[in-house]
Amino acid sequence: MKKSCVITIVIVVFIAVCLASIGIGVFFLTRIPPVETQVFPGSTLVHVLLSAPKSPTGWPLNAYIPLQAEAYGGGTISTIELYINGQLYQTVNTPAGWNQPEYAA
């Protein structure tokens, strides 16, 4: 086979792979539900910051890894719920009389 024919085939395959990757990316991005269906009507936006130990630390298998959650919102925060793999793991309620738009647990 001639060298120019091999180069043409490689370029065509490369372009096909690029177009397929773009198509797959667009397909998955269009499957993300709109914000209106993710946030309940009448609720305010909440910003959540999860903090974990710095990267070079090591943890034994099945050990507890400490996390810190901070929530900031437009209204009073009364509860923070931590879900792991879709299962409710822990619920932290704010102290009685708490009326601040931020809380760390």
PDB file of N, CA and C in Angstrom:
ATOM      1  N   MET A   1       0.843  -1.170   0.000  1.00  0.00           N
ATOM      2  CA  MET A   1       0.000   0.000   0.000  1.00  0.00           C
ATOM      3  C   MET A   1       0.895   1.242   0.000  1.00  0.00           C
ATOM      4  N   LYS A   2       0.485   2.239  -0.689  1.00  0.00           N
ATOM      5  CA  LYS A   2       1.284   3.445  -0.770  1.00  0.00           C
ATOM      6  C   LYS A   2       1.213   4.233   0.539  1.00  0.00           C
ATOM      7  N   LYS A   3       2.267   4.993   0.784  1.00  0.00           N
ATOM      8  CA  LYS A   3       2.371   5.781   2.000  1.00  0.00           C
ATOM      9  C   LYS A   3       1.260   6.822   2.084  1.00  0.00           C
ATOM     10  N   SER A   4       0.909   7.456   0.980  1.00  0.00           N
ATOM     11  CA  SER A   4      -0.142   8.480   0.996  1.00  0.00           C
ATOM     12  C   SER A   4      -1.509   7.874   1.303  1.00  0.00           C
ATOM     13  N   CYS A   5      -1.727   6.639   0.880  1.00  0.00           N
ATOM     14  CA  CYS A   5      -3.006   5.964   1.166  1.00  0.00           C
ATOM     15  C   CYS A   5      -3.109   5.644   2.656  1.00  0.00           C
ATOM     16  N   VAL A   6      -2.022   5.219   3.274  1.00  0.00           N
ATOM     17  CA  VAL A   6      -2.018   4.911   4.710  1.00  0.00           C
ATOM     18  C   VAL A   6      -2.255   6.186   5.516  1.00  0.00           C
ATOM     19  N   ILE A   7      -1.623   7.267   5.123  1.00  0.00           N
ATOM     20  CA  ILE A   7      -1.812   8.547   5.824  1.00  0.00           C
ATOM     21  C   ILE A   7      -3.264   9.002   5.715  1.00  0.00           C
ATOM     22  N   THR A   8      -3.876   8.842   4.563  1.00  0.00           N
ATOM     23  CA  THR A   8      -5.272   9.221   4.368  1.00  0.00           C
ATOM     24  C   THR A   8      -6.185   8.399   5.267  1.00  0.00           C
ATOM     25  N   ILE A   9      -5.923   7.103   5.359  1.00  0.00           N
ATOM     26  CA  ILE A   9      -6.749   6.229   6.211  1.00  0.00           C
ATOM     27  C   ILE A   9      -6.614   6.627   7.677  1.00  0.00           C
ATOM     28  N   VAL A  10      -5.400   6.923   8.122  1.00  0.00           N
ATOM     29  CA  VAL A  10      -5.176   7.327   9.507  1.00  0.00           C
ATOM     30  C   VAL A  10      -5.906   8.636   9.801  1.00  0.00           C
ATOM     31  N   ILE A  11      -5.861   9.574   8.887  1.00  0.00           N
ATOM     32  CA  ILE A  11      -6.545  10.863   9.090  1.00  0.00           C
ATOM     33  C   ILE A  11      -8.051  10.666   9.149  1.00  0.00           C
ATOM     34  N   VAL A  12      -8.601   9.839   8.287  1.00  0.00           N
ATOM     35  CA  VAL A  12     -10.045   9.578   8.274  1.00  0.00           C
ATOM     36  C   VAL A  12     -10.477   8.905   9.573  1.00  0.00           C
ATOM     37  N   VAL A  13      -9.706   7.930  10.041  1.00  0.00           N
ATOM     38  CA  VAL A  13     -10.044   7.248  11.296  1.00  0.00           C
ATOM     39  C   VAL A  13      -9.957   8.227  12.465  1.00  0.00           C
ATOM     40  N   PHE A  14      -8.928   9.074  12.473  1.00  0.00           N
ATOM     41  CA  PHE A  14      -8.780  10.065  13.544  1.00  0.00           C
ATOM     42  C   PHE A  14      -9.971  11.014  13.568  1.00  0.00           C
ATOM     43  N   ILE A  15     -10.392  11.507  12.436  1.00  0.00           N
ATOM     44  CA  ILE A  15     -11.547  12.414  12.360  1.00  0.00           C
ATOM     45  C   ILE A  15     -12.821  11.698  12.810  1.00  0.00           C
ATOM     46  N   ALA A  16     -12.976  10.436  12.419  1.00  0.00           N
ATOM     47  CA  ALA A  16     -14.161   9.677  12.826  1.00  0.00           C
ATOM     48  C   ALA A  16     -14.199   9.494  14.341  1.00  0.00           C
ATOM     49  N   VAL A  17     -13.056   9.203  14.954  1.00  0.00           N
ATOM     50  CA  VAL A  17     -13.001   9.026  16.404  1.00  0.00           C
ATOM     51  C   VAL A  17     -13.311  10.353  17.102  1.00  0.00           C
ATOM     52  N   CYS A  18     -12.779  11.457  16.595  1.00  0.00           N
ATOM     53  CA  CYS A  18     -13.059  12.769  17.180  1.00  0.00           C
ATOM     54  C   CYS A  18     -14.548  13.105  17.103  1.00  0.00           C
ATOM     55  N   LEU A  19     -15.159  12.883  15.956  1.00  0.00           N
ATOM     56  CA  LEU A  19     -16.591  13.168  15.799  1.00  0.00           C
ATOM     57  C   LEU A  19     -17.438  12.279  16.698  1.00  0.00           C
ATOM     58  N   ALA A  20     -17.051  11.011  16.830  1.00  0.00           N
ATOM     59  CA  ALA A  20     -17.786  10.100  17.709  1.00  0.00           C
ATOM     60  C   ALA A  20     -17.669  10.556  19.159  1.00  0.00           C
ATOM     61  N   SER A  21     -16.492  11.001  19.577  1.00  0.00           N
ATOM     62  CA  SER A  21     -16.301  11.487  20.950  1.00  0.00           C
ATOM     63  C   SER A  21     -17.151  12.723  21.211  1.00  0.00           C
ATOM     64  N   ILE A  22     -17.194  13.634  20.274  1.00  0.00           N
ATOM     65  CA  ILE A  22     -18.024  14.835  20.422  1.00  0.00           C
ATOM     66  C   ILE A  22     -19.499  14.449  20.505  1.00  0.00           C
ATOM     67  N   GLY A  23     -19.914  13.513  19.666  1.00  0.00           N
ATOM     68  CA  GLY A  23     -21.307  13.063  19.682  1.00  0.00           C
ATOM     69  C   GLY A  23     -21.689  12.428  21.002  1.00  0.00           C
ATOM     70  N   ILE A  24     -20.809  11.607  21.548  1.00  0.00           N
ATOM     71  CA  ILE A  24     -21.085  10.961  22.842  1.00  0.00           C
ATOM     72  C   ILE A  24     -21.149  12.022  23.941  1.00  0.00           C
ATOM     73  N   GLY A  25     -20.239  12.996  23.910  1.00  0.00           N
ATOM     74  CA  GLY A  25     -20.249  14.064  24.905  1.00  0.00           C
ATOM     75  C   GLY A  25     -21.534  14.875  24.859  1.00  0.00           C
ATOM     76  N   VAL A  26     -21.966  15.231  23.659  1.00  0.00           N
ATOM     77  CA  VAL A  26     -23.210  15.991  23.506  1.00  0.00           C
ATOM     78  C   VAL A  26     -24.393  15.170  23.992  1.00  0.00           C
ATOM     79  N   PHE A  27     -24.401  13.874  23.694  1.00  0.00           N
ATOM     80  CA  PHE A  27     -25.492  12.998  24.128  1.00  0.00           C
ATOM     81  C   PHE A  27     -25.617  13.005  25.651  1.00  0.00           C
ATOM     82  N   PHE A  28     -24.498  12.834  26.358  1.00  0.00           N
ATOM     83  CA  PHE A  28     -24.563  12.785  27.821  1.00  0.00           C
ATOM     84  C   PHE A  28     -24.853  14.158  28.425  1.00  0.00           C
ATOM     85  N   LEU A  29     -24.354  15.233  27.826  1.00  0.00           N
ATOM     86  CA  LEU A  29     -24.647  16.560  28.357  1.00  0.00           C
ATOM     87  C   LEU A  29     -26.111  16.940  28.202  1.00  0.00           C
ATOM     88  N   THR A  30     -26.762  16.441  27.165  1.00  0.00           N
ATOM     89  CA  THR A  30     -28.180  16.746  26.982  1.00  0.00           C
ATOM     90  C   THR A  30     -29.071  15.929  27.912  1.00  0.00           C
ATOM     91  N   ARG A  31     -28.523  14.938  28.583  1.00  0.00           N
ATOM     92  CA  ARG A  31     -29.305  14.113  29.505  1.00  0.00           C
ATOM     93  C   ARG A  31     -29.327  14.690  30.921  1.00  0.00           C
ATOM     94  N   ILE A  32     -28.560  15.746  31.189  1.00  0.00           N
ATOM     95  CA  ILE A  32     -28.573  16.382  32.500  1.00  0.00           C
ATOM     96  C   ILE A  32     -29.890  17.132  32.645  1.00  0.00           C
ATOM     97  N   PRO A  33     -30.660  16.841  33.702  1.00  0.00           N
ATOM     98  CA  PRO A  33     -31.947  17.515  33.853  1.00  0.00           C
ATOM     99  C   PRO A  33     -31.761  19.002  34.126  1.00  0.00           C
ATOM    100  N   PRO A  34     -32.716  19.828  33.710  1.00  0.00           N
ATOM    101  CA  PRO A  34     -32.610  21.267  33.961  1.00  0.00           C
ATOM    102  C   PRO A  34     -32.699  21.576  35.453  1.00  0.00           C
ATOM    103  N   VAL A  35     -32.167  22.703  35.846  1.00  0.00           N
ATOM    104  CA  VAL A  35     -32.137  23.105  37.252  1.00  0.00           C
ATOM    105  C   VAL A  35     -33.548  23.187  37.822  1.00  0.00           C
ATOM    106  N   GLU A  36     -34.515  23.599  37.015  1.00  0.00           N
ATOM    107  CA  GLU A  36     -35.888  23.751  37.495  1.00  0.00           C
ATOM    108  C   GLU A  36     -36.448  22.440  38.044  1.00  0.00           C
ATOM    109  N   THR A  37     -36.009  21.301  37.521  1.00  0.00           N
ATOM    110  CA  THR A  37     -36.511  20.025  38.016  1.00  0.00           C
ATOM    111  C   THR A  37     -35.677  19.494  39.178  1.00  0.00           C
ATOM    112  N   GLN A  38     -34.524  20.119  39.467  1.00  0.00           N
ATOM    113  CA  GLN A  38     -33.668  19.660  40.554  1.00  0.00           C
ATOM    114  C   GLN A  38     -33.881  20.457  41.842  1.00  0.00           C
ATOM    115  N   VAL A  39     -34.362  21.683  41.720  1.00  0.00           N
ATOM    116  CA  VAL A  39     -34.584  22.551  42.879  1.00  0.00           C
ATOM    117  C   VAL A  39     -36.086  22.743  43.044  1.00  0.00           C
ATOM    118  N   PHE A  40     -36.569  22.523  44.258  1.00  0.00           N
ATOM    119  CA  PHE A  40     -37.996  22.642  44.519  1.00  0.00           C
ATOM    120  C   PHE A  40     -38.431  24.098  44.414  1.00  0.00           C
ATOM    121  N   PRO A  41     -39.639  24.357  43.902  1.00  0.00           N
ATOM    122  CA  PRO A  41     -40.137  25.733  43.808  1.00  0.00           C
ATOM    123  C   PRO A  41     -40.219  26.377  45.188  1.00  0.00           C
ATOM    124  N   GLY A  42     -39.832  27.638  45.272  1.00  0.00           N
ATOM    125  CA  GLY A  42     -39.882  28.358  46.530  1.00  0.00           C
ATOM    126  C   GLY A  42     -38.650  28.176  47.399  1.00  0.00           C
ATOM    127  N   SER A  43     -37.740  27.295  47.017  1.00  0.00           N
ATOM    128  CA  SER A  43     -36.539  27.096  47.820  1.00  0.00           C
ATOM    129  C   SER A  43     -35.431  28.030  47.342  1.00  0.00           C
ATOM    130  N   THR A  44     -34.455  28.263  48.195  1.00  0.00           N
ATOM    131  CA  THR A  44     -33.329  29.112  47.835  1.00  0.00           C
ATOM    132  C   THR A  44     -32.124  28.231  47.533  1.00  0.00           C
ATOM    133  N   LEU A  45     -31.204  28.772  46.774  1.00  0.00           N
ATOM    134  CA  LEU A  45     -30.000  28.028  46.447  1.00  0.00           C
ATOM    135  C   LEU A  45     -29.111  27.888  47.666  1.00  0.00           C
ATOM    136  N   VAL A  46     -28.459  26.752  47.770  1.00  0.00           N
ATOM    137  CA  VAL A  46     -27.534  26.477  48.867  1.00  0.00           C
ATOM    138  C   VAL A  46     -26.205  26.077  48.254  1.00  0.00           C
ATOM    139  N   HIS A  47     -25.142  26.664  48.754  1.00  0.00           N
ATOM    140  CA  HIS A  47     -23.794  26.294  48.323  1.00  0.00           C
ATOM    141  C   HIS A  47     -23.201  25.395  49.394  1.00  0.00           C
ATOM    142  N   VAL A  48     -22.662  24.255  48.964  1.00  0.00           N
ATOM    143  CA  VAL A  48     -22.104  23.284  49.898  1.00  0.00           C
ATOM    144  C   VAL A  48     -20.635  23.090  49.578  1.00  0.00           C
ATOM    145  N   LEU A  49     -19.805  23.097  50.617  1.00  0.00           N
ATOM    146  CA  LEU A  49     -18.379  22.876  50.487  1.00  0.00           C
ATOM    147  C   LEU A  49     -18.016  21.648  51.307  1.00  0.00           C
ATOM    148  N   LEU A  50     -17.498  20.612  50.650  1.00  0.00           N
ATOM    149  CA  LEU A  50     -17.023  19.420  51.345  1.00  0.00           C
ATOM    150  C   LEU A  50     -15.511  19.472  51.415  1.00  0.00           C
ATOM    151  N   SER A  51     -14.965  19.273  52.604  1.00  0.00           N
ATOM    152  CA  SER A  51     -13.523  19.277  52.789  1.00  0.00           C
ATOM    153  C   SER A  51     -13.088  17.907  53.283  1.00  0.00           C
ATOM    154  N   ALA A  52     -12.038  17.377  52.682  1.00  0.00           N
ATOM    155  CA  ALA A  52     -11.479  16.091  53.064  1.00  0.00           C
ATOM    156  C   ALA A  52     -10.000  16.290  53.376  1.00  0.00           C
ATOM    157  N   PRO A  53      -9.350  15.296  53.948  1.00  0.00           N
ATOM    158  CA  PRO A  53      -7.919  15.427  54.224  1.00  0.00           C
ATOM    159  C   PRO A  53      -7.123  15.688  52.949  1.00  0.00           C
ATOM    160  N   LYS A  54      -5.970  16.309  53.115  1.00  0.00           N
ATOM    161  CA  LYS A  54      -5.127  16.611  51.961  1.00  0.00           C
ATOM    162  C   LYS A  54      -4.709  15.340  51.244  1.00  0.00           C
ATOM    163  N   SER A  55      -4.397  15.456  49.968  1.00  0.00           N
ATOM    164  CA  SER A  55      -4.168  14.324  49.084  1.00  0.00           C
ATOM    165  C   SER A  55      -3.077  13.337  49.514  1.00  0.00           C
ATOM    166  N   PRO A  56      -1.913  13.749  49.992  1.00  0.00           N
ATOM    167  CA  PRO A  56      -0.894  12.744  50.248  1.00  0.00           C
ATOM    168  C   PRO A  56      -1.119  11.894  51.496  1.00  0.00           C
ATOM    169  N   THR A  57      -2.194  12.135  52.261  1.00  0.00           N
ATOM    170  CA  THR A  57      -2.426  11.328  53.454  1.00  0.00           C
ATOM    171  C   THR A  57      -2.918   9.943  53.059  1.00  0.00           C
ATOM    172  N   GLY A  58      -2.598   8.967  53.867  1.00  0.00           N
ATOM    173  CA  GLY A  58      -3.031   7.593  53.606  1.00  0.00           C
ATOM    174  C   GLY A  58      -3.973   7.117  54.693  1.00  0.00           C
ATOM    175  N   TRP A  59      -4.906   6.269  54.311  1.00  0.00           N
ATOM    176  CA  TRP A  59      -5.882   5.746  55.255  1.00  0.00           C
ATOM    177  C   TRP A  59      -5.961   4.242  55.083  1.00  0.00           C
ATOM    178  N   PRO A  60      -5.994   3.484  56.177  1.00  0.00           N
ATOM    179  CA  PRO A  60      -6.113   2.028  56.062  1.00  0.00           C
ATOM    180  C   PRO A  60      -7.465   1.643  55.470  1.00  0.00           C
ATOM    181  N   LEU A  61      -7.523   0.458  54.923  1.00  0.00           N
ATOM    182  CA  LEU A  61      -8.755  -0.059  54.348  1.00  0.00           C
ATOM    183  C   LEU A  61      -9.848  -0.094  55.411  1.00  0.00           C
ATOM    184  N   ASN A  62     -11.045   0.328  55.059  1.00  0.00           N
ATOM    185  CA  ASN A  62     -12.232   0.363  55.922  1.00  0.00           C
ATOM    186  C   ASN A  62     -12.101   1.341  57.086  1.00  0.00           C
ATOM    187  N   ALA A  63     -11.169   2.276  57.023  1.00  0.00           N
ATOM    188  CA  ALA A  63     -11.038   3.283  58.071  1.00  0.00           C
ATOM    189  C   ALA A  63     -11.994   4.436  57.786  1.00  0.00           C
ATOM    190  N   TYR A  64     -12.387   5.143  58.839  1.00  0.00           N
ATOM    191  CA  TYR A  64     -13.218   6.324  58.674  1.00  0.00           C
ATOM    192  C   TYR A  64     -12.343   7.478  58.211  1.00  0.00           C
ATOM    193  N   ILE A  65     -12.792   8.196  57.201  1.00  0.00           N
ATOM    194  CA  ILE A  65     -12.071   9.356  56.686  1.00  0.00           C
ATOM    195  C   ILE A  65     -12.870  10.591  57.079  1.00  0.00           C
ATOM    196  N   PRO A  66     -12.265  11.495  57.836  1.00  0.00           N
ATOM    197  CA  PRO A  66     -13.036  12.667  58.293  1.00  0.00           C
ATOM    198  C   PRO A  66     -13.380  13.614  57.147  1.00  0.00           C
ATOM    199  N   LEU A  67     -14.621  14.055  57.134  1.00  0.00           N
ATOM    200  CA  LEU A  67     -15.105  15.040  56.173  1.00  0.00           C
ATOM    201  C   LEU A  67     -15.695  16.209  56.942  1.00  0.00           C
ATOM    202  N   GLN A  68     -15.637  17.374  56.347  1.00  0.00           N
ATOM    203  CA  GLN A  68     -16.303  18.535  56.922  1.00  0.00           C
ATOM    204  C   GLN A  68     -17.211  19.115  55.850  1.00  0.00           C
ATOM    205  N   ALA A  69     -18.436  19.415  56.220  1.00  0.00           N
ATOM    206  CA  ALA A  69     -19.403  20.006  55.291  1.00  0.00           C
ATOM    207  C   ALA A  69     -19.760  21.395  55.783  1.00  0.00           C
ATOM    208  N   GLU A  70     -19.760  22.346  54.866  1.00  0.00           N
ATOM    209  CA  GLU A  70     -20.188  23.702  55.163  1.00  0.00           C
ATOM    210  C   GLU A  70     -21.286  24.062  54.174  1.00  0.00           C
ATOM    211  N   ALA A  71     -22.370  24.609  54.669  1.00  0.00           N
ATOM    212  CA  ALA A  71     -23.500  24.981  53.814  1.00  0.00           C
ATOM    213  C   ALA A  71     -23.794  26.464  53.993  1.00  0.00           C
ATOM    214  N   TYR A  72     -23.993  27.144  52.879  1.00  0.00           N
ATOM    215  CA  TYR A  72     -24.315  28.573  52.867  1.00  0.00           C
ATOM    216  C   TYR A  72     -25.561  28.756  52.006  1.00  0.00           C
ATOM    217  N   GLY A  73     -26.559  29.435  52.528  1.00  0.00           N
ATOM    218  CA  GLY A  73     -27.781  29.607  51.759  1.00  0.00           C
ATOM    219  C   GLY A  73     -28.411  30.966  51.969  1.00  0.00           C
ATOM    220  N   GLY A  74     -29.491  31.188  51.239  1.00  0.00           N
ATOM    221  CA  GLY A  74     -30.206  32.454  51.328  1.00  0.00           C
ATOM    222  C   GLY A  74     -31.137  32.517  52.514  1.00  0.00           C
ATOM    223  N   GLY A  75     -31.439  31.380  53.111  1.00  0.00           N
ATOM    224  CA  GLY A  75     -32.333  31.348  54.260  1.00  0.00           C
ATOM    225  C   GLY A  75     -31.678  30.616  55.410  1.00  0.00           C
ATOM    226  N   THR A  76     -32.450  30.329  56.438  1.00  0.00           N
ATOM    227  CA  THR A  76     -31.942  29.623  57.608  1.00  0.00           C
ATOM    228  C   THR A  76     -31.705  28.154  57.276  1.00  0.00           C
ATOM    229  N   ILE A  77     -30.553  27.636  57.673  1.00  0.00           N
ATOM    230  CA  ILE A  77     -30.240  26.218  57.475  1.00  0.00           C
ATOM    231  C   ILE A  77     -30.572  25.491  58.762  1.00  0.00           C
ATOM    232  N   SER A  78     -31.402  24.459  58.682  1.00  0.00           N
ATOM    233  CA  SER A  78     -31.807  23.737  59.882  1.00  0.00           C
ATOM    234  C   SER A  78     -31.219  22.330  59.948  1.00  0.00           C
ATOM    235  N   THR A  79     -30.897  21.734  58.799  1.00  0.00           N
ATOM    236  CA  THR A  79     -30.412  20.357  58.772  1.00  0.00           C
ATOM    237  C   THR A  79     -29.417  20.179  57.640  1.00  0.00           C
ATOM    238  N   ILE A  80     -28.381  19.393  57.901  1.00  0.00           N
ATOM    239  CA  ILE A  80     -27.460  18.967  56.850  1.00  0.00           C
ATOM    240  C   ILE A  80     -27.512  17.445  56.823  1.00  0.00           C
ATOM    241  N   GLU A  81     -27.750  16.877  55.641  1.00  0.00           N
ATOM    242  CA  GLU A  81     -27.811  15.423  55.485  1.00  0.00           C
ATOM    243  C   GLU A  81     -26.663  14.969  54.600  1.00  0.00           C
ATOM    244  N   LEU A  82     -25.936  13.937  55.033  1.00  0.00           N
ATOM    245  CA  LEU A  82     -24.829  13.373  54.272  1.00  0.00           C
ATOM    246  C   LEU A  82     -25.271  12.047  53.673  1.00  0.00           C
ATOM    247  N   TYR A  83     -25.207  11.962  52.355  1.00  0.00           N
ATOM    248  CA  TYR A  83     -25.547  10.735  51.644  1.00  0.00           C
ATOM    249  C   TYR A  83     -24.268  10.116  51.092  1.00  0.00           C
ATOM    250  N   ILE A  84     -24.118   8.818  51.259  1.00  0.00           N
ATOM    251  CA  ILE A  84     -22.995   8.079  50.682  1.00  0.00           C
ATOM    252  C   ILE A  84     -23.579   7.003  49.784  1.00  0.00           C
ATOM    253  N   ASN A  85     -23.216   7.056  48.502  1.00  0.00           N
ATOM    254  CA  ASN A  85     -23.727   6.112  47.507  1.00  0.00           C
ATOM    255  C   ASN A  85     -25.248   6.066  47.497  1.00  0.00           C
ATOM    256  N   GLY A  86     -25.879   7.224  47.631  1.00  0.00           N
ATOM    257  CA  GLY A  86     -27.328   7.307  47.551  1.00  0.00           C
ATOM    258  C   GLY A  86     -28.060   6.929  48.829  1.00  0.00           C
ATOM    259  N   GLN A  87     -27.339   6.576  49.879  1.00  0.00           N
ATOM    260  CA  GLN A  87     -27.961   6.179  51.145  1.00  0.00           C
ATOM    261  C   GLN A  87     -27.689   7.256  52.197  1.00  0.00           C
ATOM    262  N   LEU A  88     -28.715   7.605  52.972  1.00  0.00           N
ATOM    263  CA  LEU A  88     -28.548   8.584  54.046  1.00  0.00           C
ATOM    264  C   LEU A  88     -27.622   7.999  55.094  1.00  0.00           C
ATOM    265  N   TYR A  89     -26.500   8.685  55.360  1.00  0.00           N
ATOM    266  CA  TYR A  89     -25.507   8.197  56.316  1.00  0.00           C
ATOM    267  C   TYR A  89     -25.620   8.937  57.647  1.00  0.00           C
ATOM    268  N   GLN A  90     -25.770  10.259  57.589  1.00  0.00           N
ATOM    269  CA  GLN A  90     -25.816  11.035  58.823  1.00  0.00           C
ATOM    270  C   GLN A  90     -26.656  12.293  58.619  1.00  0.00           C
ATOM    271  N   THR A  91     -27.372  12.675  59.661  1.00  0.00           N
ATOM    272  CA  THR A  91     -28.137  13.913  59.678  1.00  0.00           C
ATOM    273  C   THR A  91     -27.643  14.764  60.842  1.00  0.00           C
ATOM    274  N   VAL A  92     -27.299  16.008  60.565  1.00  0.00           N
ATOM    275  CA  VAL A  92     -26.856  16.945  61.606  1.00  0.00           C
ATOM    276  C   VAL A  92     -27.852  18.092  61.648  1.00  0.00           C
ATOM    277  N   ASN A  93     -28.458  18.297  62.828  1.00  0.00           N
ATOM    278  CA  ASN A  93     -29.396  19.400  63.013  1.00  0.00           C
ATOM    279  C   ASN A  93     -28.662  20.574  63.650  1.00  0.00           C
ATOM    280  N   THR A  94     -29.040  21.768  63.246  1.00  0.00           N
ATOM    281  CA  THR A  94     -28.428  22.956  63.836  1.00  0.00           C
ATOM    282  C   THR A  94     -28.927  23.118  65.266  1.00  0.00           C
ATOM    283  N   PRO A  95     -28.177  23.826  66.098  1.00  0.00           N
ATOM    284  CA  PRO A  95     -28.603  24.025  67.488  1.00  0.00           C
ATOM    285  C   PRO A  95     -29.940  24.778  67.572  1.00  0.00           C
ATOM    286  N   ALA A  96     -30.640  24.583  68.660  1.00  0.00           N
ATOM    287  CA  ALA A  96     -31.916  25.272  68.868  1.00  0.00           C
ATOM    288  C   ALA A  96     -31.708  26.773  68.813  1.00  0.00           C
ATOM    289  N   GLY A  97     -32.580  27.468  68.128  1.00  0.00           N
ATOM    290  CA  GLY A  97     -32.504  28.919  68.007  1.00  0.00           C
ATOM    291  C   GLY A  97     -31.568  29.399  66.906  1.00  0.00           C
ATOM    292  N   TRP A  98     -31.012  28.484  66.135  1.00  0.00           N
ATOM    293  CA  TRP A  98     -30.086  28.852  65.044  1.00  0.00           C
ATOM    294  C   TRP A  98     -30.875  29.525  63.939  1.00  0.00           C
ATOM    295  N   ASN A  99     -30.465  30.698  63.528  1.00  0.00           N
ATOM    296  CA  ASN A  99     -31.163  31.394  62.438  1.00  0.00           C
ATOM    297  C   ASN A  99     -30.179  32.041  61.488  1.00  0.00           C
ATOM    298  N   GLN A 100     -29.060  31.415  61.286  1.00  0.00           N
ATOM    299  CA  GLN A 100     -28.025  31.942  60.394  1.00  0.00           C
ATOM    300  C   GLN A 100     -28.081  31.227  59.035  1.00  0.00           C
ATOM    301  N   PRO A 101     -27.630  31.907  57.976  1.00  0.00           N
ATOM    302  CA  PRO A 101     -27.656  31.297  56.644  1.00  0.00           C
ATOM    303  C   PRO A 101     -26.429  30.431  56.356  1.00  0.00           C
ATOM    304  N   GLU A 102     -25.641  30.078  57.410  1.00  0.00           N
ATOM    305  CA  GLU A 102     -24.480  29.215  57.193  1.00  0.00           C
ATOM    306  C   GLU A 102     -24.316  28.286  58.381  1.00  0.00           C
ATOM    307  N   TYR A 103     -23.758  27.097  58.131  1.00  0.00           N
ATOM    308  CA  TYR A 103     -23.531  26.121  59.195  1.00  0.00           C
ATOM    309  C   TYR A 103     -22.455  25.161  58.742  1.00  0.00           C
ATOM    310  N   ALA A 104     -21.597  24.765  59.655  1.00  0.00           N
ATOM    311  CA  ALA A 104     -20.543  23.785  59.368  1.00  0.00           C
ATOM    312  C   ALA A 104     -20.735  22.586  60.280  1.00  0.00           C
ATOM    313  N   ALA A 105     -20.581  21.403  59.725  1.00  0.00           N
ATOM    314  CA  ALA A 105     -20.726  20.182  60.511  1.00  0.00           C
ATOM    315  C   ALA A 105     -19.585  19.237  60.228  1.00  0.00           C
TER     316      ALA A 105
END
